[in-house]
Amino acid sequence: MKLMTATEVSRNFAAVLDAVEHGETITITRGNHRIARIGPEPHVSAREALEKLANRGERVDEHYLSDIRDAVDGLDHEIRDPWEEN
């Protein structure tokens, strides 16, 4: 984890975003107090989200879960280059 002042972050925001995109977490300080943290967004697949929802211990409408399962199962999980010529 890297510490940066708010001024440093504002002057180097593109570089901060690049670092975050590459997995770094940055804590932002102002007046020697930690005020914020910026870091990579955790990746959760649709299937993982569905499992977490189903395992929360709360009652969830089974039709809703069924619709979500059907949608996830129908996804094409192959990653392709959209600009690639066929």
PDB file of N, CA and C in Angstrom:
ATOM      1  N   MET A   1       0.843  -1.162   0.000  1.00  0.00           N
ATOM      2  CA  MET A   1       0.000   0.000   0.000  1.00  0.00           C
ATOM      3  C   MET A   1       0.896   1.235   0.000  1.00  0.00           C
ATOM      4  N   LYS A   2       0.506   2.208  -0.793  1.00  0.00           N
ATOM      5  CA  LYS A   2       1.292   3.422  -0.953  1.00  0.00           C
ATOM      6  C   LYS A   2       0.531   4.597  -0.345  1.00  0.00           C
ATOM      7  N   LEU A   3       1.245   5.498   0.338  1.00  0.00           N
ATOM      8  CA  LEU A   3       0.649   6.711   0.893  1.00  0.00           C
ATOM      9  C   LEU A   3       0.944   7.879  -0.035  1.00  0.00           C
ATOM     10  N   MET A   4      -0.085   8.675  -0.324  1.00  0.00           N
ATOM     11  CA  MET A   4       0.080   9.886  -1.131  1.00  0.00           C
ATOM     12  C   MET A   4      -0.785  10.984  -0.530  1.00  0.00           C
ATOM     13  N   THR A   5      -0.314  12.224  -0.638  1.00  0.00           N
ATOM     14  CA  THR A   5      -1.140  13.338  -0.186  1.00  0.00           C
ATOM     15  C   THR A   5      -2.216  13.610  -1.237  1.00  0.00           C
ATOM     16  N   ALA A   6      -3.258  14.289  -0.809  1.00  0.00           N
ATOM     17  CA  ALA A   6      -4.324  14.647  -1.743  1.00  0.00           C
ATOM     18  C   ALA A   6      -3.775  15.488  -2.886  1.00  0.00           C
ATOM     19  N   THR A   7      -2.836  16.363  -2.590  1.00  0.00           N
ATOM     20  CA  THR A   7      -2.222  17.198  -3.632  1.00  0.00           C
ATOM     21  C   THR A   7      -1.471  16.340  -4.643  1.00  0.00           C
ATOM     22  N   GLU A   8      -0.701  15.365  -4.156  1.00  0.00           N
ATOM     23  CA  GLU A   8       0.028  14.464  -5.066  1.00  0.00           C
ATOM     24  C   GLU A   8      -0.933  13.696  -5.958  1.00  0.00           C
ATOM     25  N   VAL A   9      -2.004  13.224  -5.366  1.00  0.00           N
ATOM     26  CA  VAL A   9      -2.986  12.468  -6.142  1.00  0.00           C
ATOM     27  C   VAL A   9      -3.606  13.348  -7.213  1.00  0.00           C
ATOM     28  N   SER A  10      -3.988  14.575  -6.839  1.00  0.00           N
ATOM     29  CA  SER A  10      -4.641  15.448  -7.815  1.00  0.00           C
ATOM     30  C   SER A  10      -3.702  15.828  -8.951  1.00  0.00           C
ATOM     31  N   ARG A  11      -2.429  15.949  -8.669  1.00  0.00           N
ATOM     32  CA  ARG A  11      -1.454  16.328  -9.705  1.00  0.00           C
ATOM     33  C   ARG A  11      -1.038  15.147 -10.576  1.00  0.00           C
ATOM     34  N   ASN A  12      -1.253  13.938 -10.091  1.00  0.00           N
ATOM     35  CA  ASN A  12      -0.803  12.737 -10.812  1.00  0.00           C
ATOM     36  C   ASN A  12      -1.920  11.720 -10.957  1.00  0.00           C
ATOM     37  N   PHE A  13      -3.142  12.194 -11.171  1.00  0.00           N
ATOM     38  CA  PHE A  13      -4.286  11.294 -11.115  1.00  0.00           C
ATOM     39  C   PHE A  13      -4.212  10.170 -12.150  1.00  0.00           C
ATOM     40  N   ALA A  14      -3.755  10.472 -13.361  1.00  0.00           N
ATOM     41  CA  ALA A  14      -3.643   9.424 -14.384  1.00  0.00           C
ATOM     42  C   ALA A  14      -2.667   8.334 -13.933  1.00  0.00           C
ATOM     43  N   ALA A  15      -1.557   8.733 -13.344  1.00  0.00           N
ATOM     44  CA  ALA A  15      -0.576   7.757 -12.848  1.00  0.00           C
ATOM     45  C   ALA A  15      -1.152   6.950 -11.686  1.00  0.00           C
ATOM     46  N   VAL A  16      -1.944   7.602 -10.838  1.00  0.00           N
ATOM     47  CA  VAL A  16      -2.604   6.904  -9.728  1.00  0.00           C
ATOM     48  C   VAL A  16      -3.539   5.827 -10.285  1.00  0.00           C
ATOM     49  N   LEU A  17      -4.343   6.205 -11.270  1.00  0.00           N
ATOM     50  CA  LEU A  17      -5.260   5.228 -11.874  1.00  0.00           C
ATOM     51  C   LEU A  17      -4.506   4.088 -12.538  1.00  0.00           C
ATOM     52  N   ASP A  18      -3.385   4.390 -13.180  1.00  0.00           N
ATOM     53  CA  ASP A  18      -2.568   3.327 -13.784  1.00  0.00           C
ATOM     54  C   ASP A  18      -2.067   2.355 -12.714  1.00  0.00           C
ATOM     55  N   ALA A  19      -1.597   2.900 -11.592  1.00  0.00           N
ATOM     56  CA  ALA A  19      -1.099   2.046 -10.506  1.00  0.00           C
ATOM     57  C   ALA A  19      -2.223   1.175  -9.946  1.00  0.00           C
ATOM     58  N   VAL A  20      -3.393   1.764  -9.761  1.00  0.00           N
ATOM     59  CA  VAL A  20      -4.540   1.012  -9.249  1.00  0.00           C
ATOM     60  C   VAL A  20      -4.933  -0.077 -10.239  1.00  0.00           C
ATOM     61  N   GLU A  21      -4.922   0.260 -11.516  1.00  0.00           N
ATOM     62  CA  GLU A  21      -5.264  -0.729 -12.539  1.00  0.00           C
ATOM     63  C   GLU A  21      -4.314  -1.924 -12.496  1.00  0.00           C
ATOM     64  N   HIS A  22      -3.091  -1.698 -12.055  1.00  0.00           N
ATOM     65  CA  HIS A  22      -2.107  -2.770 -11.963  1.00  0.00           C
ATOM     66  C   HIS A  22      -2.071  -3.411 -10.575  1.00  0.00           C
ATOM     67  N   GLY A  23      -3.103  -3.134  -9.765  1.00  0.00           N
ATOM     68  CA  GLY A  23      -3.244  -3.857  -8.509  1.00  0.00           C
ATOM     69  C   GLY A  23      -2.818  -3.131  -7.251  1.00  0.00           C
ATOM     70  N   GLU A  24      -2.292  -1.927  -7.369  1.00  0.00           N
ATOM     71  CA  GLU A  24      -1.812  -1.208  -6.186  1.00  0.00           C
ATOM     72  C   GLU A  24      -2.968  -0.506  -5.466  1.00  0.00           C
ATOM     73  N   THR A  25      -2.898  -0.461  -4.159  1.00  0.00           N
ATOM     74  CA  THR A  25      -3.850   0.291  -3.346  1.00  0.00           C
ATOM     75  C   THR A  25      -3.130   1.516  -2.807  1.00  0.00           C
ATOM     76  N   ILE A  26      -3.793   2.670  -2.918  1.00  0.00           N
ATOM     77  CA  ILE A  26      -3.188   3.928  -2.500  1.00  0.00           C
ATOM     78  C   ILE A  26      -4.045   4.546  -1.407  1.00  0.00           C
ATOM     79  N   THR A  27      -3.400   4.923  -0.297  1.00  0.00           N
ATOM     80  CA  THR A  27      -4.079   5.635   0.779  1.00  0.00           C
ATOM     81  C   THR A  27      -3.770   7.114   0.610  1.00  0.00           C
ATOM     82  N   ILE A  28      -4.829   7.925   0.647  1.00  0.00           N
ATOM     83  CA  ILE A  28      -4.700   9.363   0.437  1.00  0.00           C
ATOM     84  C   ILE A  28      -4.771  10.059   1.787  1.00  0.00           C
ATOM     85  N   THR A  29      -3.817  10.978   2.002  1.00  0.00           N
ATOM     86  CA  THR A  29      -3.768  11.717   3.257  1.00  0.00           C
ATOM     87  C   THR A  29      -3.969  13.208   2.999  1.00  0.00           C
ATOM     88  N   ARG A  30      -4.488  13.863   4.019  1.00  0.00           N
ATOM     89  CA  ARG A  30      -4.606  15.329   4.008  1.00  0.00           C
ATOM     90  C   ARG A  30      -4.318  15.790   5.430  1.00  0.00           C
ATOM     91  N   GLY A  31      -3.354  16.678   5.568  1.00  0.00           N
ATOM     92  CA  GLY A  31      -3.003  17.152   6.901  1.00  0.00           C
ATOM     93  C   GLY A  31      -2.581  16.028   7.829  1.00  0.00           C
ATOM     94  N   ASN A  32      -1.833  15.079   7.303  1.00  0.00           N
ATOM     95  CA  ASN A  32      -1.338  13.923   8.064  1.00  0.00           C
ATOM     96  C   ASN A  32      -2.434  12.998   8.578  1.00  0.00           C
ATOM     97  N   HIS A  33      -3.628  13.097   8.023  1.00  0.00           N
ATOM     98  CA  HIS A  33      -4.721  12.192   8.377  1.00  0.00           C
ATOM     99  C   HIS A  33      -5.106  11.388   7.141  1.00  0.00           C
ATOM    100  N   ARG A  34      -5.298  10.117   7.346  1.00  0.00           N
ATOM    101  CA  ARG A  34      -5.763   9.275   6.238  1.00  0.00           C
ATOM    102  C   ARG A  34      -7.230   9.598   5.980  1.00  0.00           C
ATOM    103  N   ILE A  35      -7.536   9.950   4.728  1.00  0.00           N
ATOM    104  CA  ILE A  35      -8.907  10.346   4.416  1.00  0.00           C
ATOM    105  C   ILE A  35      -9.596   9.427   3.412  1.00  0.00           C
ATOM    106  N   ALA A  36      -8.820   8.692   2.641  1.00  0.00           N
ATOM    107  CA  ALA A  36      -9.447   7.844   1.621  1.00  0.00           C
ATOM    108  C   ALA A  36      -8.473   6.770   1.178  1.00  0.00           C
ATOM    109  N   ARG A  37      -9.041   5.768   0.538  1.00  0.00           N
ATOM    110  CA  ARG A  37      -8.240   4.693  -0.040  1.00  0.00           C
ATOM    111  C   ARG A  37      -8.803   4.413  -1.425  1.00  0.00           C
ATOM    112  N   ILE A  38      -7.913   4.269  -2.378  1.00  0.00           N
ATOM    113  CA  ILE A  38      -8.327   3.914  -3.730  1.00  0.00           C
ATOM    114  C   ILE A  38      -7.584   2.645  -4.112  1.00  0.00           C
ATOM    115  N   GLY A  39      -8.331   1.680  -4.636  1.00  0.00           N
ATOM    116  CA  GLY A  39      -7.715   0.411  -4.979  1.00  0.00           C
ATOM    117  C   GLY A  39      -8.485  -0.280  -6.075  1.00  0.00           C
ATOM    118  N   PRO A  40      -7.962  -1.394  -6.527  1.00  0.00           N
ATOM    119  CA  PRO A  40      -8.613  -2.130  -7.606  1.00  0.00           C
ATOM    120  C   PRO A  40     -10.002  -2.606  -7.199  1.00  0.00           C
ATOM    121  N   GLU A  41     -10.897  -2.599  -8.138  1.00  0.00           N
ATOM    122  CA  GLU A  41     -12.244  -3.122  -7.921  1.00  0.00           C
ATOM    123  C   GLU A  41     -12.145  -4.642  -7.851  1.00  0.00           C
ATOM    124  N   PRO A  42     -12.688  -5.243  -6.796  1.00  0.00           N
ATOM    125  CA  PRO A  42     -12.632  -6.703  -6.726  1.00  0.00           C
ATOM    126  C   PRO A  42     -13.474  -7.315  -7.843  1.00  0.00           C
ATOM    127  N   HIS A  43     -12.918  -8.307  -8.483  1.00  0.00           N
ATOM    128  CA  HIS A  43     -13.639  -8.981  -9.563  1.00  0.00           C
ATOM    129  C   HIS A  43     -14.484 -10.112  -8.984  1.00  0.00           C
ATOM    130  N   VAL A  44     -15.757 -10.057  -9.266  1.00  0.00           N
ATOM    131  CA  VAL A  44     -16.671 -11.117  -8.852  1.00  0.00           C
ATOM    132  C   VAL A  44     -17.451 -11.529 -10.082  1.00  0.00           C
ATOM    133  N   SER A  45     -17.353 -12.790 -10.433  1.00  0.00           N
ATOM    134  CA  SER A  45     -18.092 -13.271 -11.594  1.00  0.00           C
ATOM    135  C   SER A  45     -19.577 -13.345 -11.260  1.00  0.00           C
ATOM    136  N   ALA A  46     -20.384 -13.405 -12.273  1.00  0.00           N
ATOM    137  CA  ALA A  46     -21.832 -13.520 -12.072  1.00  0.00           C
ATOM    138  C   ALA A  46     -22.161 -14.780 -11.285  1.00  0.00           C
ATOM    139  N   ARG A  47     -21.459 -15.859 -11.566  1.00  0.00           N
ATOM    140  CA  ARG A  47     -21.714 -17.115 -10.860  1.00  0.00           C
ATOM    141  C   ARG A  47     -21.357 -16.975  -9.371  1.00  0.00           C
ATOM    142  N   GLU A  48     -20.226 -16.317  -9.067  1.00  0.00           N
ATOM    143  CA  GLU A  48     -19.844 -16.101  -7.675  1.00  0.00           C
ATOM    144  C   GLU A  48     -20.865 -15.217  -6.954  1.00  0.00           C
ATOM    145  N   ALA A  49     -21.330 -14.184  -7.638  1.00  0.00           N
ATOM    146  CA  ALA A  49     -22.336 -13.302  -7.045  1.00  0.00           C
ATOM    147  C   ALA A  49     -23.619 -14.070  -6.754  1.00  0.00           C
ATOM    148  N   LEU A  50     -24.005 -14.932  -7.666  1.00  0.00           N
ATOM    149  CA  LEU A  50     -25.200 -15.741  -7.478  1.00  0.00           C
ATOM    150  C   LEU A  50     -25.037 -16.664  -6.270  1.00  0.00           C
ATOM    151  N   GLU A  51     -23.880 -17.300  -6.153  1.00  0.00           N
ATOM    152  CA  GLU A  51     -23.631 -18.190  -5.022  1.00  0.00           C
ATOM    153  C   GLU A  51     -23.664 -17.426  -3.701  1.00  0.00           C
ATOM    154  N   LYS A  52     -23.072 -16.227  -3.676  1.00  0.00           N
ATOM    155  CA  LYS A  52     -23.095 -15.426  -2.460  1.00  0.00           C
ATOM    156  C   LYS A  52     -24.519 -15.035  -2.097  1.00  0.00           C
ATOM    157  N   LEU A  53     -25.293 -14.672  -3.104  1.00  0.00           N
ATOM    158  CA  LEU A  53     -26.682 -14.300  -2.862  1.00  0.00           C
ATOM    159  C   LEU A  53     -27.463 -15.483  -2.316  1.00  0.00           C
ATOM    160  N   ALA A  54     -27.259 -16.638  -2.893  1.00  0.00           N
ATOM    161  CA  ALA A  54     -27.996 -17.828  -2.475  1.00  0.00           C
ATOM    162  C   ALA A  54     -27.569 -18.307  -1.088  1.00  0.00           C
ATOM    163  N   ASN A  55     -26.329 -18.010  -0.691  1.00  0.00           N
ATOM    164  CA  ASN A  55     -25.804 -18.511   0.582  1.00  0.00           C
ATOM    165  C   ASN A  55     -25.830 -17.474   1.710  1.00  0.00           C
ATOM    166  N   ARG A  56     -26.552 -16.403   1.542  1.00  0.00           N
ATOM    167  CA  ARG A  56     -26.590 -15.353   2.569  1.00  0.00           C
ATOM    168  C   ARG A  56     -27.429 -15.732   3.773  1.00  0.00           C
ATOM    169  N   GLY A  57     -28.181 -16.791   3.675  1.00  0.00           N
ATOM    170  CA  GLY A  57     -29.012 -17.199   4.798  1.00  0.00           C
ATOM    171  C   GLY A  57     -30.341 -16.484   4.837  1.00  0.00           C
ATOM    172  N   GLU A  58     -30.580 -15.617   3.869  1.00  0.00           N
ATOM    173  CA  GLU A  58     -31.857 -14.921   3.797  1.00  0.00           C
ATOM    174  C   GLU A  58     -32.742 -15.624   2.779  1.00  0.00           C
ATOM    175  N   ARG A  59     -34.017 -15.439   2.948  1.00  0.00           N
ATOM    176  CA  ARG A  59     -34.945 -16.025   1.990  1.00  0.00           C
ATOM    177  C   ARG A  59     -34.937 -15.194   0.714  1.00  0.00           C
ATOM    178  N   VAL A  60     -34.622 -15.853  -0.384  1.00  0.00           N
ATOM    179  CA  VAL A  60     -34.602 -15.203  -1.690  1.00  0.00           C
ATOM    180  C   VAL A  60     -35.597 -15.926  -2.585  1.00  0.00           C
ATOM    181  N   ASP A  61     -36.364 -15.167  -3.322  1.00  0.00           N
ATOM    182  CA  ASP A  61     -37.374 -15.726  -4.223  1.00  0.00           C
ATOM    183  C   ASP A  61     -36.718 -16.737  -5.169  1.00  0.00           C
ATOM    184  N   GLU A  62     -37.192 -17.967  -5.142  1.00  0.00           N
ATOM    185  CA  GLU A  62     -36.605 -19.034  -5.956  1.00  0.00           C
ATOM    186  C   GLU A  62     -36.752 -18.755  -7.451  1.00  0.00           C
ATOM    187  N   HIS A  63     -37.838 -18.099  -7.855  1.00  0.00           N
ATOM    188  CA  HIS A  63     -38.001 -17.747  -9.278  1.00  0.00           C
ATOM    189  C   HIS A  63     -36.913 -16.766  -9.712  1.00  0.00           C
ATOM    190  N   TYR A  64     -36.587 -15.824  -8.824  1.00  0.00           N
ATOM    191  CA  TYR A  64     -35.529 -14.863  -9.102  1.00  0.00           C
ATOM    192  C   TYR A  64     -34.194 -15.580  -9.268  1.00  0.00           C
ATOM    193  N   LEU A  65     -33.873 -16.465  -8.318  1.00  0.00           N
ATOM    194  CA  LEU A  65     -32.623 -17.222  -8.417  1.00  0.00           C
ATOM    195  C   LEU A  65     -32.588 -18.078  -9.673  1.00  0.00           C
ATOM    196  N   SER A  66     -33.709 -18.678 -10.015  1.00  0.00           N
ATOM    197  CA  SER A  66     -33.777 -19.494 -11.219  1.00  0.00           C
ATOM    198  C   SER A  66     -33.519 -18.651 -12.469  1.00  0.00           C
ATOM    199  N   ASP A  67     -34.111 -17.470 -12.513  1.00  0.00           N
ATOM    200  CA  ASP A  67     -33.880 -16.572 -13.652  1.00  0.00           C
ATOM    201  C   ASP A  67     -32.419 -16.169 -13.752  1.00  0.00           C
ATOM    202  N   ILE A  68     -31.800 -15.895 -12.606  1.00  0.00           N
ATOM    203  CA  ILE A  68     -30.383 -15.517 -12.602  1.00  0.00           C
ATOM    204  C   ILE A  68     -29.523 -16.692 -13.059  1.00  0.00           C
ATOM    205  N   ARG A  69     -29.812 -17.887 -12.551  1.00  0.00           N
ATOM    206  CA  ARG A  69     -29.046 -19.079 -12.971  1.00  0.00           C
ATOM    207  C   ARG A  69     -29.158 -19.284 -14.474  1.00  0.00           C
ATOM    208  N   ASP A  70     -30.366 -19.143 -15.007  1.00  0.00           N
ATOM    209  CA  ASP A  70     -30.570 -19.311 -16.447  1.00  0.00           C
ATOM    210  C   ASP A  70     -29.770 -18.269 -17.230  1.00  0.00           C
ATOM    211  N   ALA A  71     -29.768 -17.042 -16.740  1.00  0.00           N
ATOM    212  CA  ALA A  71     -29.029 -15.981 -17.428  1.00  0.00           C
ATOM    213  C   ALA A  71     -27.530 -16.253 -17.404  1.00  0.00           C
ATOM    214  N   VAL A  72     -27.005 -16.667 -16.247  1.00  0.00           N
ATOM    215  CA  VAL A  72     -25.571 -16.962 -16.125  1.00  0.00           C
ATOM    216  C   VAL A  72     -25.197 -18.146 -17.007  1.00  0.00           C
ATOM    217  N   ASP A  73     -26.027 -19.182 -16.993  1.00  0.00           N
ATOM    218  CA  ASP A  73     -25.735 -20.366 -17.807  1.00  0.00           C
ATOM    219  C   ASP A  73     -25.765 -20.044 -19.300  1.00  0.00           C
ATOM    220  N   GLY A  74     -26.549 -19.041 -19.681  1.00  0.00           N
ATOM    221  CA  GLY A  74     -26.653 -18.680 -21.084  1.00  0.00           C
ATOM    222  C   GLY A  74     -25.570 -17.745 -21.571  1.00  0.00           C
ATOM    223  N   LEU A  75     -24.702 -17.283 -20.664  1.00  0.00           N
ATOM    224  CA  LEU A  75     -23.634 -16.376 -21.058  1.00  0.00           C
ATOM    225  C   LEU A  75     -22.560 -17.105 -21.841  1.00  0.00           C
ATOM    226  N   ASP A  76     -21.997 -16.404 -22.791  1.00  0.00           N
ATOM    227  CA  ASP A  76     -20.843 -16.910 -23.523  1.00  0.00           C
ATOM    228  C   ASP A  76     -19.612 -16.419 -22.770  1.00  0.00           C
ATOM    229  N   HIS A  77     -18.901 -17.312 -22.099  1.00  0.00           N
ATOM    230  CA  HIS A  77     -17.802 -16.924 -21.229  1.00  0.00           C
ATOM    231  C   HIS A  77     -16.472 -16.792 -21.968  1.00  0.00           C
ATOM    232  N   GLU A  78     -16.473 -16.998 -23.257  1.00  0.00           N
ATOM    233  CA  GLU A  78     -15.240 -16.880 -24.021  1.00  0.00           C
ATOM    234  C   GLU A  78     -14.915 -15.408 -24.229  1.00  0.00           C
ATOM    235  N   ILE A  79     -13.674 -15.039 -23.964  1.00  0.00           N
ATOM    236  CA  ILE A  79     -13.226 -13.661 -24.165  1.00  0.00           C
ATOM    237  C   ILE A  79     -12.650 -13.564 -25.566  1.00  0.00           C
ATOM    238  N   ARG A  80     -13.205 -12.633 -26.330  1.00  0.00           N
ATOM    239  CA  ARG A  80     -12.744 -12.438 -27.706  1.00  0.00           C
ATOM    240  C   ARG A  80     -12.379 -10.974 -27.938  1.00  0.00           C
ATOM    241  N   ASP A  81     -11.502 -10.760 -28.888  1.00  0.00           N
ATOM    242  CA  ASP A  81     -11.138  -9.414 -29.292  1.00  0.00           C
ATOM    243  C   ASP A  81     -12.240  -8.891 -30.208  1.00  0.00           C
ATOM    244  N   PRO A  82     -12.964  -7.837 -29.792  1.00  0.00           N
ATOM    245  CA  PRO A  82     -14.071  -7.343 -30.623  1.00  0.00           C
ATOM    246  C   PRO A  82     -13.612  -6.735 -31.931  1.00  0.00           C
ATOM    247  N   TRP A  83     -12.330  -6.400 -32.041  1.00  0.00           N
ATOM    248  CA  TRP A  83     -11.816  -5.773 -33.257  1.00  0.00           C
ATOM    249  C   TRP A  83     -11.169  -6.779 -34.210  1.00  0.00           C
ATOM    250  N   GLU A  84     -11.080  -8.013 -33.756  1.00  0.00           N
ATOM    251  CA  GLU A  84     -10.463  -9.050 -34.582  1.00  0.00           C
ATOM    252  C   GLU A  84     -11.357  -9.347 -35.780  1.00  0.00           C
ATOM    253  N   GLU A  85     -10.728  -9.419 -36.940  1.00  0.00           N
ATOM    254  CA  GLU A  85     -11.503  -9.752 -38.136  1.00  0.00           C
ATOM    255  C   GLU A  85     -11.717 -11.240 -38.210  1.00  0.00           C
ATOM    256  N   ASN A  86     -12.910 -11.622 -38.603  1.00  0.00           N
ATOM    257  CA  ASN A  86     -13.236 -13.053 -38.696  1.00  0.00           C
ATOM    258  C   ASN A  86     -12.785 -13.636 -40.003  1.00  0.00           C
TER     259      ASN A  86
END
